[in-house]
Amino acid sequence: MSVIACALLGRASEVEPWAAAAALTLGRGVGVGVVLWWAGADDVHDPPVSVPSPARRAAATTALRLGGLGVEASARGRLVRALLPEAEAAAVAAAERVAVALSAPCVLAMCGVRGEELDGLLDAIPRVAVVSDPGGPLAALVADGLADSGFSPRCLPRAPGGPALLARAGLLAPPPLRRALAPLLEDVR
């Protein structure tokens, strides 16, 4: 049984490389990293990938297994992205099914306006980060929204170009991204 190790919140194009790098870091031991992707009604389910790459066997197998659980999933490199349904109750149920089925911790990427049901899922996730300018309005808005849950989310800046492309392609979690994620992912097993 696995867990959702962390959640990353923000705009899809900015969250994607960080979520990919976190998932690849967490999945090193099993050869595949999994991102649970939720965009809600924002219809940003598939942000562009600048560096396509063929899926590794473990990632392709994992994507097929998640499809068998009723969750649409795609693989590239060592990365699997599981698309959670738009409806919050269905998204929470799918996230829980996927997390239980995996052999390594996974990452939740939330790129839409969430409601109470997804806030309940966030309450169960020990680590939360906002991908945004630390002093910007998005970081303040998310921090205020999570204050009732006792969270003080970390802020991650926009990922630099080259490392972001490598992570998005599912090839690796480049050292600059791994170092920035280290405080968020420490003690995750």
Foldseek 3Di string as FASTA:
>chain_A
DAAAAEEEEEAPLQVQLLQLQVQQVFCVVVQAGEEEEEEAPPPPQDPDAPDAAAFDPSQVVLQVVLVVVVWHWDGFHRYIYTYADNDLVRRLVSVVVSRVPDPTHHYYYYYYDDDDSVLVVNLPHPAYEYADDCPDPVLVVVCVVCVVSVDDHHYHYRDDDPQSNCSNRSNHNDPVSCVVCCVRRPPGD
